[in-house]
């Protein structure tokens, strides 16, 4: 994993076709903007587990969505020290 520090207004370029902009930092929240081609799927990390369960639903039973969501609500918040 590559860890970088960025300030508001700075950008990251990935593979010449994805741009991530730091729009605002307030307390322990970072607002980012993502520009990517239409064929690039962008999803919040906490929703990926739910998506994978639906994709695998024919092969395995789906975990209760309330349980999955409560796991992510209980996850620790990202602090400004851990955002680089």
PDB file of N, CA and C in Angstrom:
ATOM      1  N   UNK A   1       0.835  -1.167   0.000  1.00  0.00           N
ATOM      2  CA  UNK A   1       0.000   0.000   0.000  1.00  0.00           C
ATOM      3  C   UNK A   1       0.888   1.241   0.000  1.00  0.00           C
ATOM      4  N   UNK A   2       0.556   2.170  -0.836  1.00  0.00           N
ATOM      5  CA  UNK A   2       1.252   3.452  -0.883  1.00  0.00           C
ATOM      6  C   UNK A   2       0.501   4.426   0.003  1.00  0.00           C
ATOM      7  N   UNK A   3       1.194   5.097   0.926  1.00  0.00           N
ATOM      8  CA  UNK A   3       0.578   6.075   1.822  1.00  0.00           C
ATOM      9  C   UNK A   3       1.187   7.432   1.512  1.00  0.00           C
ATOM     10  N   UNK A   4       0.330   8.400   1.188  1.00  0.00           N
ATOM     11  CA  UNK A   4       0.781   9.746   0.840  1.00  0.00           C
ATOM     12  C   UNK A   4       0.094  10.784   1.709  1.00  0.00           C
ATOM     13  N   UNK A   5       0.764  11.893   1.931  1.00  0.00           N
ATOM     14  CA  UNK A   5       0.146  13.039   2.602  1.00  0.00           C
ATOM     15  C   UNK A   5      -0.244  14.047   1.535  1.00  0.00           C
ATOM     16  N   UNK A   6      -1.427  14.593   1.646  1.00  0.00           N
ATOM     17  CA  UNK A   6      -1.924  15.582   0.691  1.00  0.00           C
ATOM     18  C   UNK A   6      -2.589  16.705   1.452  1.00  0.00           C
ATOM     19  N   UNK A   7      -2.600  17.874   0.866  1.00  0.00           N
ATOM     20  CA  UNK A   7      -3.283  19.047   1.430  1.00  0.00           C
ATOM     21  C   UNK A   7      -4.477  19.377   0.551  1.00  0.00           C
ATOM     22  N   UNK A   8      -5.367  20.199   1.085  1.00  0.00           N
ATOM     23  CA  UNK A   8      -6.542  20.623   0.315  1.00  0.00           C
ATOM     24  C   UNK A   8      -6.079  21.243  -1.003  1.00  0.00           C
ATOM     25  N   UNK A   9      -6.720  20.842  -2.091  1.00  0.00           N
ATOM     26  CA  UNK A   9      -6.398  21.347  -3.418  1.00  0.00           C
ATOM     27  C   UNK A   9      -5.389  20.490  -4.174  1.00  0.00           C
ATOM     28  N   UNK A  10      -4.702  19.599  -3.470  1.00  0.00           N
ATOM     29  CA  UNK A  10      -3.732  18.741  -4.137  1.00  0.00           C
ATOM     30  C   UNK A  10      -4.430  17.517  -4.708  1.00  0.00           C
ATOM     31  N   UNK A  11      -3.774  16.881  -5.682  1.00  0.00           N
ATOM     32  CA  UNK A  11      -4.375  15.761  -6.399  1.00  0.00           C
ATOM     33  C   UNK A  11      -3.427  14.577  -6.454  1.00  0.00           C
ATOM     34  N   UNK A  12      -4.020  13.419  -6.722  1.00  0.00           N
ATOM     35  CA  UNK A  12      -3.288  12.199  -7.019  1.00  0.00           C
ATOM     36  C   UNK A  12      -3.746  11.730  -8.390  1.00  0.00           C
ATOM     37  N   UNK A  13      -2.818  11.265  -9.195  1.00  0.00           N
ATOM     38  CA  UNK A  13      -3.144  10.743 -10.521  1.00  0.00           C
ATOM     39  C   UNK A  13      -2.814   9.258 -10.523  1.00  0.00           C
ATOM     40  N   UNK A  14      -3.779   8.442 -10.957  1.00  0.00           N
ATOM     41  CA  UNK A  14      -3.584   7.001 -11.019  1.00  0.00           C
ATOM     42  C   UNK A  14      -3.739   6.560 -12.467  1.00  0.00           C
ATOM     43  N   UNK A  15      -2.694   5.972 -12.999  1.00  0.00           N
ATOM     44  CA  UNK A  15      -2.722   5.365 -14.338  1.00  0.00           C
ATOM     45  C   UNK A  15      -3.201   6.328 -15.428  1.00  0.00           C
ATOM     46  N   UNK A  16      -2.891   7.575 -15.315  1.00  0.00           N
ATOM     47  CA  UNK A  16      -3.200   8.614 -16.315  1.00  0.00           C
ATOM     48  C   UNK A  16      -4.684   8.824 -16.595  1.00  0.00           C
ATOM     49  N   UNK A  17      -5.592   8.070 -15.935  1.00  0.00           N
ATOM     50  CA  UNK A  17      -7.007   8.277 -16.243  1.00  0.00           C
ATOM     51  C   UNK A  17      -7.897   8.388 -15.007  1.00  0.00           C
ATOM     52  N   UNK A  18      -7.293   8.365 -13.814  1.00  0.00           N
ATOM     53  CA  UNK A  18      -8.053   8.544 -12.580  1.00  0.00           C
ATOM     54  C   UNK A  18      -7.390   9.656 -11.781  1.00  0.00           C
ATOM     55  N   UNK A  19      -8.177  10.645 -11.384  1.00  0.00           N
ATOM     56  CA  UNK A  19      -7.673  11.762 -10.594  1.00  0.00           C
ATOM     57  C   UNK A  19      -8.443  11.827  -9.284  1.00  0.00           C
ATOM     58  N   UNK A  20      -7.719  11.872  -8.175  1.00  0.00           N
ATOM     59  CA  UNK A  20      -8.322  12.017  -6.862  1.00  0.00           C
ATOM     60  C   UNK A  20      -7.903  13.375  -6.318  1.00  0.00           C
ATOM     61  N   UNK A  21      -8.888  14.213  -5.981  1.00  0.00           N
ATOM     62  CA  UNK A  21      -8.634  15.563  -5.473  1.00  0.00           C
ATOM     63  C   UNK A  21      -9.040  15.640  -4.007  1.00  0.00           C
ATOM     64  N   UNK A  22      -8.227  16.311  -3.202  1.00  0.00           N
ATOM     65  CA  UNK A  22      -8.587  16.568  -1.808  1.00  0.00           C
ATOM     66  C   UNK A  22      -9.348  17.885  -1.800  1.00  0.00           C
ATOM     67  N   UNK A  23     -10.650  17.815  -1.507  1.00  0.00           N
ATOM     68  CA  UNK A  23     -11.500  19.002  -1.571  1.00  0.00           C
ATOM     69  C   UNK A  23     -11.589  19.746  -0.252  1.00  0.00           C
ATOM     70  N   UNK A  24     -11.677  18.995   0.869  1.00  0.00           N
ATOM     71  CA  UNK A  24     -11.840  19.648   2.156  1.00  0.00           C
ATOM     72  C   UNK A  24     -11.420  18.695   3.265  1.00  0.00           C
ATOM     73  N   UNK A  25     -10.832  19.264   4.311  1.00  0.00           N
ATOM     74  CA  UNK A  25     -10.501  18.504   5.510  1.00  0.00           C
ATOM     75  C   UNK A  25     -11.121  19.252   6.677  1.00  0.00           C
ATOM     76  N   UNK A  26     -11.983  18.569   7.421  1.00  0.00           N
ATOM     77  CA  UNK A  26     -12.640  19.190   8.576  1.00  0.00           C
ATOM     78  C   UNK A  26     -12.666  18.169   9.704  1.00  0.00           C
ATOM     79  N   UNK A  27     -11.895  18.418  10.750  1.00  0.00           N
ATOM     80  CA  UNK A  27     -11.832  17.477  11.864  1.00  0.00           C
ATOM     81  C   UNK A  27     -11.276  16.148  11.397  1.00  0.00           C
ATOM     82  N   UNK A  28     -12.051  15.077  11.604  1.00  0.00           N
ATOM     83  CA  UNK A  28     -11.583  13.752  11.203  1.00  0.00           C
ATOM     84  C   UNK A  28     -12.212  13.290   9.899  1.00  0.00           C
ATOM     85  N   UNK A  29     -12.704  14.226   9.099  1.00  0.00           N
ATOM     86  CA  UNK A  29     -13.330  13.885   7.817  1.00  0.00           C
ATOM     87  C   UNK A  29     -12.564  14.527   6.671  1.00  0.00           C
ATOM     88  N   UNK A  30     -12.371  13.748   5.631  1.00  0.00           N
ATOM     89  CA  UNK A  30     -11.698  14.227   4.423  1.00  0.00           C
ATOM     90  C   UNK A  30     -12.681  14.080   3.269  1.00  0.00           C
ATOM     91  N   UNK A  31     -12.930  15.171   2.555  1.00  0.00           N
ATOM     92  CA  UNK A  31     -13.813  15.112   1.394  1.00  0.00           C
ATOM     93  C   UNK A  31     -12.936  15.044   0.149  1.00  0.00           C
ATOM     94  N   UNK A  32     -13.171  14.005  -0.659  1.00  0.00           N
ATOM     95  CA  UNK A  32     -12.372  13.825  -1.868  1.00  0.00           C
ATOM     96  C   UNK A  32     -13.279  13.853  -3.091  1.00  0.00           C
ATOM     97  N   UNK A  33     -12.689  14.177  -4.210  1.00  0.00           N
ATOM     98  CA  UNK A  33     -13.371  14.092  -5.493  1.00  0.00           C
ATOM     99  C   UNK A  33     -12.619  13.098  -6.360  1.00  0.00           C
ATOM    100  N   UNK A  34     -13.360  12.294  -7.117  1.00  0.00           N
ATOM    101  CA  UNK A  34     -12.741  11.275  -7.957  1.00  0.00           C
ATOM    102  C   UNK A  34     -13.230  11.453  -9.388  1.00  0.00           C
ATOM    103  N   UNK A  35     -12.298  11.611 -10.300  1.00  0.00           N
ATOM    104  CA  UNK A  35     -12.608  11.653 -11.730  1.00  0.00           C
ATOM    105  C   UNK A  35     -12.037  10.383 -12.344  1.00  0.00           C
ATOM    106  N   UNK A  36     -12.937   9.613 -12.990  1.00  0.00           N
ATOM    107  CA  UNK A  36     -12.509   8.342 -13.588  1.00  0.00           C
ATOM    108  C   UNK A  36     -13.392   8.041 -14.790  1.00  0.00           C
ATOM    109  N   UNK A  37     -12.909   7.205 -15.708  1.00  0.00           N
ATOM    110  CA  UNK A  37     -13.730   6.803 -16.841  1.00  0.00           C
ATOM    111  C   UNK A  37     -14.998   6.078 -16.366  1.00  0.00           C
ATOM    112  N   UNK A  38     -16.019   6.085 -17.189  1.00  0.00           N
ATOM    113  CA  UNK A  38     -17.294   5.471 -16.831  1.00  0.00           C
ATOM    114  C   UNK A  38     -17.183   3.980 -16.552  1.00  0.00           C
ATOM    115  N   UNK A  39     -16.209   3.308 -17.145  1.00  0.00           N
ATOM    116  CA  UNK A  39     -16.092   1.867 -16.934  1.00  0.00           C
ATOM    117  C   UNK A  39     -15.346   1.499 -15.653  1.00  0.00           C
ATOM    118  N   UNK A  40     -14.872   2.492 -14.898  1.00  0.00           N
ATOM    119  CA  UNK A  40     -14.208   2.248 -13.620  1.00  0.00           C
ATOM    120  C   UNK A  40     -15.265   2.328 -12.524  1.00  0.00           C
ATOM    121  N   UNK A  41     -15.432   1.241 -11.784  1.00  0.00           N
ATOM    122  CA  UNK A  41     -16.420   1.198 -10.714  1.00  0.00           C
ATOM    123  C   UNK A  41     -15.792   1.720  -9.428  1.00  0.00           C
ATOM    124  N   UNK A  42     -16.454   2.679  -8.791  1.00  0.00           N
ATOM    125  CA  UNK A  42     -15.974   3.275  -7.555  1.00  0.00           C
ATOM    126  C   UNK A  42     -17.023   3.006  -6.486  1.00  0.00           C
ATOM    127  N   UNK A  43     -16.582   2.444  -5.364  1.00  0.00           N
ATOM    128  CA  UNK A  43     -17.515   2.091  -4.302  1.00  0.00           C
ATOM    129  C   UNK A  43     -16.883   2.361  -2.944  1.00  0.00           C
ATOM    130  N   UNK A  44     -17.690   2.812  -2.006  1.00  0.00           N
ATOM    131  CA  UNK A  44     -17.219   2.964  -0.635  1.00  0.00           C
ATOM    132  C   UNK A  44     -16.831   1.596  -0.095  1.00  0.00           C
ATOM    133  N   UNK A  45     -15.704   1.543   0.606  1.00  0.00           N
ATOM    134  CA  UNK A  45     -15.176   0.273   1.095  1.00  0.00           C
ATOM    135  C   UNK A  45     -16.141  -0.503   1.959  1.00  0.00           C
ATOM    136  N   UNK A  46     -16.908   0.188   2.808  1.00  0.00           N
ATOM    137  CA  UNK A  46     -17.813  -0.519   3.701  1.00  0.00           C
ATOM    138  C   UNK A  46     -18.982  -1.178   2.969  1.00  0.00           C
ATOM    139  N   UNK A  47     -19.240  -0.778   1.731  1.00  0.00           N
ATOM    140  CA  UNK A  47     -20.313  -1.398   0.955  1.00  0.00           C
ATOM    141  C   UNK A  47     -19.821  -2.587   0.132  1.00  0.00           C
ATOM    142  N   UNK A  48     -18.519  -2.732   0.000  1.00  0.00           N
ATOM    143  CA  UNK A  48     -17.969  -3.795  -0.830  1.00  0.00           C
ATOM    144  C   UNK A  48     -18.322  -5.175  -0.292  1.00  0.00           C
ATOM    145  N   UNK A  49     -18.329  -5.344   1.037  1.00  0.00           N
ATOM    146  CA  UNK A  49     -18.667  -6.638   1.618  1.00  0.00           C
ATOM    147  C   UNK A  49     -20.103  -7.021   1.252  1.00  0.00           C
ATOM    148  N   UNK A  50     -21.006  -6.071   1.305  1.00  0.00           N
ATOM    149  CA  UNK A  50     -22.399  -6.334   0.950  1.00  0.00           C
ATOM    150  C   UNK A  50     -22.501  -6.681  -0.533  1.00  0.00           C
ATOM    151  N   UNK A  51     -21.791  -5.942  -1.375  1.00  0.00           N
ATOM    152  CA  UNK A  51     -21.818  -6.216  -2.811  1.00  0.00           C
ATOM    153  C   UNK A  51     -21.314  -7.625  -3.110  1.00  0.00           C
ATOM    154  N   UNK A  52     -20.229  -7.999  -2.451  1.00  0.00           N
ATOM    155  CA  UNK A  52     -19.664  -9.334  -2.672  1.00  0.00           C
ATOM    156  C   UNK A  52     -20.635 -10.428  -2.232  1.00  0.00           C
ATOM    157  N   UNK A  53     -21.356 -10.169  -1.159  1.00  0.00           N
ATOM    158  CA  UNK A  53     -22.319 -11.168  -0.700  1.00  0.00           C
ATOM    159  C   UNK A  53     -23.425 -11.373  -1.726  1.00  0.00           C
ATOM    160  N   UNK A  54     -23.895 -10.298  -2.328  1.00  0.00           N
ATOM    161  CA  UNK A  54     -24.930 -10.429  -3.342  1.00  0.00           C
ATOM    162  C   UNK A  54     -24.387 -11.130  -4.587  1.00  0.00           C
ATOM    163  N   UNK A  55     -23.137 -10.850  -4.929  1.00  0.00           N
ATOM    164  CA  UNK A  55     -22.533 -11.497  -6.095  1.00  0.00           C
ATOM    165  C   UNK A  55     -22.344 -12.992  -5.865  1.00  0.00           C
ATOM    166  N   UNK A  56     -22.072 -13.376  -4.619  1.00  0.00           N
ATOM    167  CA  UNK A  56     -21.846 -14.783  -4.282  1.00  0.00           C
ATOM    168  C   UNK A  56     -23.094 -15.462  -3.738  1.00  0.00           C
ATOM    169  N   UNK A  57     -24.247 -14.801  -3.797  1.00  0.00           N
ATOM    170  CA  UNK A  57     -25.451 -15.314  -3.136  1.00  0.00           C
ATOM    171  C   UNK A  57     -25.887 -16.673  -3.667  1.00  0.00           C
ATOM    172  N   UNK A  58     -25.565 -17.010  -4.898  1.00  0.00           N
ATOM    173  CA  UNK A  58     -25.942 -18.303  -5.433  1.00  0.00           C
ATOM    174  C   UNK A  58     -25.073 -19.416  -4.863  1.00  0.00           C
ATOM    175  N   UNK A  59     -23.879 -19.053  -4.387  1.00  0.00           N
ATOM    176  CA  UNK A  59     -22.960 -20.064  -3.894  1.00  0.00           C
ATOM    177  C   UNK A  59     -22.987 -20.191  -2.372  1.00  0.00           C
ATOM    178  N   UNK A  60     -23.331 -19.122  -1.671  1.00  0.00           N
ATOM    179  CA  UNK A  60     -23.305 -19.141  -0.205  1.00  0.00           C
ATOM    180  C   UNK A  60     -24.478 -18.323   0.332  1.00  0.00           C
ATOM    181  N   UNK A  61     -24.947 -18.655   1.518  1.00  0.00           N
ATOM    182  CA  UNK A  61     -26.040 -17.866   2.095  1.00  0.00           C
ATOM    183  C   UNK A  61     -25.582 -16.448   2.402  1.00  0.00           C
ATOM    184  N   UNK A  62     -26.488 -15.495   2.246  1.00  0.00           N
ATOM    185  CA  UNK A  62     -26.180 -14.083   2.491  1.00  0.00           C
ATOM    186  C   UNK A  62     -26.295 -13.798   3.975  1.00  0.00           C
ATOM    187  N   UNK A  63     -25.288 -13.130   4.508  1.00  0.00           N
ATOM    188  CA  UNK A  63     -25.306 -12.722   5.909  1.00  0.00           C
ATOM    189  C   UNK A  63     -26.367 -11.645   6.087  1.00  0.00           C
ATOM    190  N   UNK A  64     -26.946 -11.597   7.256  1.00  0.00           N
ATOM    191  CA  UNK A  64     -27.975 -10.605   7.560  1.00  0.00           C
ATOM    192  C   UNK A  64     -27.420  -9.202   7.325  1.00  0.00           C
ATOM    193  N   UNK A  65     -28.034  -8.393   6.421  1.00  0.00           N
ATOM    194  CA  UNK A  65     -27.521  -7.050   6.130  1.00  0.00           C
ATOM    195  C   UNK A  65     -27.427  -6.160   7.353  1.00  0.00           C
ATOM    196  N   UNK A  66     -28.328  -6.314   8.331  1.00  0.00           N
ATOM    197  CA  UNK A  66     -28.278  -5.502   9.550  1.00  0.00           C
ATOM    198  C   UNK A  66     -26.993  -5.796  10.313  1.00  0.00           C
ATOM    199  N   UNK A  67     -26.582  -7.051  10.348  1.00  0.00           N
ATOM    200  CA  UNK A  67     -25.334  -7.431  11.014  1.00  0.00           C
ATOM    201  C   UNK A  67     -24.139  -6.823  10.295  1.00  0.00           C
ATOM    202  N   UNK A  68     -24.136  -6.878   8.978  1.00  0.00           N
ATOM    203  CA  UNK A  68     -23.027  -6.326   8.192  1.00  0.00           C
ATOM    204  C   UNK A  68     -22.915  -4.827   8.427  1.00  0.00           C
ATOM    205  N   UNK A  69     -24.034  -4.126   8.371  1.00  0.00           N
ATOM    206  CA  UNK A  69     -24.023  -2.676   8.555  1.00  0.00           C
ATOM    207  C   UNK A  69     -23.572  -2.321   9.964  1.00  0.00           C
ATOM    208  N   UNK A  70     -24.036  -3.052  10.977  1.00  0.00           N
ATOM    209  CA  UNK A  70     -23.642  -2.738  12.347  1.00  0.00           C
ATOM    210  C   UNK A  70     -22.150  -2.963  12.562  1.00  0.00           C
ATOM    211  N   UNK A  71     -21.550  -3.906  11.839  1.00  0.00           N
ATOM    212  CA  UNK A  71     -20.095  -4.107  11.931  1.00  0.00           C
ATOM    213  C   UNK A  71     -19.353  -2.853  11.480  1.00  0.00           C
ATOM    214  N   UNK A  72     -19.821  -2.224  10.417  1.00  0.00           N
ATOM    215  CA  UNK A  72     -19.139  -1.045   9.902  1.00  0.00           C
ATOM    216  C   UNK A  72     -19.420   0.182  10.745  1.00  0.00           C
ATOM    217  N   UNK A  73     -20.606   0.258  11.342  1.00  0.00           N
ATOM    218  CA  UNK A  73     -20.894   1.372  12.233  1.00  0.00           C
ATOM    219  C   UNK A  73     -20.030   1.302  13.480  1.00  0.00           C
ATOM    220  N   UNK A  74     -19.667   0.095  13.897  1.00  0.00           N
ATOM    221  CA  UNK A  74     -18.838  -0.095  15.084  1.00  0.00           C
ATOM    222  C   UNK A  74     -17.351   0.078  14.781  1.00  0.00           C
ATOM    223  N   UNK A  75     -16.986   0.158  13.512  1.00  0.00           N
ATOM    224  CA  UNK A  75     -15.577   0.305  13.136  1.00  0.00           C
ATOM    225  C   UNK A  75     -15.053   1.651  13.628  1.00  0.00           C
ATOM    226  N   UNK A  76     -13.787   1.704  14.028  1.00  0.00           N
ATOM    227  CA  UNK A  76     -13.235   2.964  14.523  1.00  0.00           C
ATOM    228  C   UNK A  76     -13.178   4.023  13.428  1.00  0.00           C
ATOM    229  N   UNK A  77     -13.382   5.259  13.841  1.00  0.00           N
ATOM    230  CA  UNK A  77     -13.294   6.388  12.914  1.00  0.00           C
ATOM    231  C   UNK A  77     -11.836   6.604  12.514  1.00  0.00           C
ATOM    232  N   UNK A  78     -11.620   7.148  11.347  1.00  0.00           N
ATOM    233  CA  UNK A  78     -10.275   7.515  10.905  1.00  0.00           C
ATOM    234  C   UNK A  78      -9.936   8.846  11.546  1.00  0.00           C
ATOM    235  N   UNK A  79      -8.785   8.902  12.156  1.00  0.00           N
ATOM    236  CA  UNK A  79      -8.367  10.141  12.796  1.00  0.00           C
ATOM    237  C   UNK A  79      -7.459  10.913  11.852  1.00  0.00           C
ATOM    238  N   UNK A  80      -7.334  12.238  12.057  1.00  0.00           N
ATOM    239  CA  UNK A  80      -6.457  13.026  11.180  1.00  0.00           C
ATOM    240  C   UNK A  80      -5.020  12.491  11.142  1.00  0.00           C
ATOM    241  N   UNK A  81      -4.570  11.857  12.222  1.00  0.00           N
ATOM    242  CA  UNK A  81      -3.212  11.318  12.237  1.00  0.00           C
ATOM    243  C   UNK A  81      -3.056  10.153  11.281  1.00  0.00           C
ATOM    244  N   UNK A  82      -4.135   9.411  11.021  1.00  0.00           N
ATOM    245  CA  UNK A  82      -4.004   8.235  10.164  1.00  0.00           C
ATOM    246  C   UNK A  82      -4.311   8.548   8.707  1.00  0.00           C
ATOM    247  N   UNK A  83      -4.676   9.765   8.378  1.00  0.00           N
ATOM    248  CA  UNK A  83      -4.956  10.149   6.991  1.00  0.00           C
ATOM    249  C   UNK A  83      -3.705  10.804   6.438  1.00  0.00           C
ATOM    250  N   UNK A  84      -3.079  10.141   5.478  1.00  0.00           N
ATOM    251  CA  UNK A  84      -1.816  10.660   4.911  1.00  0.00           C
ATOM    252  C   UNK A  84      -1.902  10.705   3.419  1.00  0.00           C
TER     253      UNK A  84
END
